[in-house]
Amino acid sequence: MVLSGAEQVPADGSVSRRAGELLGRASTTDVLDALVALAAQDRPGCEVLTSDPGDIHHLLQVLHIQRTIRVV
């Protein structure tokens, strides 16, 4: 099961602020995608599971990081 290895990350003030800054730099609006990209940035070597690989890839490029993206 995929969720058994998932981690919950709180979207507190500092993370939310970083997400807003990322969205501005990326010229996009999906807050959840930004939160996922930031979680990936903070976890070197992680894989990102998403149904929206294009948006996640774009955000990771803006962050100047590479992660494996798996479509679910």
Protein backbone atom coordinates (compact mmCIF):
# COMPACT_ATOMS: atom_id res chain seq x y z
CA MET A 1 0.00 0.00 0.00
CA VAL A 2 1.41 3.39 -1.00
CA LEU A 3 0.12 5.32 2.02
CA SER A 4 1.90 3.08 4.48
CA GLY A 5 5.15 4.82 3.53
CA ALA A 6 3.69 8.32 3.27
CA GLU A 7 4.53 11.14 5.62
CA GLN A 8 2.13 13.85 6.76
CA VAL A 9 3.69 17.29 6.63
CA PRO A 10 1.98 20.19 8.43
CA ALA A 11 1.41 23.28 6.31
CA ASP A 12 2.23 25.77 9.06
CA GLY A 13 3.01 29.45 8.59
CA SER A 14 6.57 29.13 7.34
CA VAL A 15 5.78 26.31 4.90
CA SER A 16 2.68 28.13 3.66
CA ARG A 17 4.75 31.27 3.09
CA ARG A 18 7.36 29.27 1.15
CA ALA A 19 4.56 27.72 -0.93
CA GLY A 20 3.19 31.16 -1.81
CA GLU A 21 6.65 32.36 -2.81
CA LEU A 22 7.15 29.25 -4.97
CA LEU A 23 3.80 29.73 -6.67
CA GLY A 24 4.73 33.31 -7.49
CA ARG A 25 8.08 32.30 -8.95
CA ALA A 26 6.48 29.46 -10.92
CA SER A 27 3.51 31.56 -12.12
CA THR A 28 1.08 28.85 -11.05
CA THR A 29 -1.66 28.55 -8.43
CA ASP A 30 -1.97 24.99 -7.10
CA VAL A 31 -1.10 25.21 -3.40
CA LEU A 32 -1.07 21.44 -2.87
CA ASP A 33 1.39 20.92 -5.72
CA ALA A 34 3.63 23.60 -4.20
CA LEU A 35 3.48 21.92 -0.78
CA VAL A 36 4.41 18.58 -2.35
CA ALA A 37 7.33 20.16 -4.23
CA LEU A 38 8.60 21.81 -1.04
CA ALA A 39 8.33 18.53 0.86
CA ALA A 40 10.40 16.90 -1.89
CA GLN A 41 12.97 19.70 -1.65
CA ASP A 42 13.37 19.03 2.06
CA ARG A 43 13.82 15.27 1.51
CA PRO A 44 16.78 14.51 -0.77
CA GLY A 45 16.42 11.23 -2.62
CA CYS A 46 12.67 10.94 -2.13
CA GLU A 47 10.24 9.92 -4.85
CA VAL A 48 7.18 12.04 -5.58
CA LEU A 49 3.91 10.21 -6.20
CA THR A 50 1.40 12.32 -8.12
CA SER A 51 -1.41 12.27 -10.63
CA ASP A 52 -0.14 15.62 -11.96
CA PRO A 53 3.46 15.04 -13.07
CA GLY A 54 3.67 18.07 -15.36
CA ASP A 55 2.93 20.61 -12.64
CA ILE A 56 5.18 18.87 -10.09
CA HIS A 57 8.02 18.70 -12.63
CA HIS A 58 7.64 22.43 -13.35
CA LEU A 59 7.75 23.32 -9.64
CA LEU A 60 10.79 21.12 -9.05
CA GLN A 61 12.54 22.86 -11.94
CA VAL A 62 11.80 26.24 -10.37
CA LEU A 63 13.34 24.91 -7.14
CA HIS A 64 16.36 23.66 -9.13
CA ILE A 65 16.02 20.11 -7.81
CA GLN A 66 15.54 16.70 -9.40
CA ARG A 67 13.39 13.96 -7.93
CA THR A 68 11.93 10.80 -9.36
CA ILE A 69 8.27 11.40 -10.18
CA ARG A 70 5.90 8.45 -10.29
CA VAL A 71 2.40 8.77 -11.70
CA VAL A 72 -0.34 7.21 -9.58
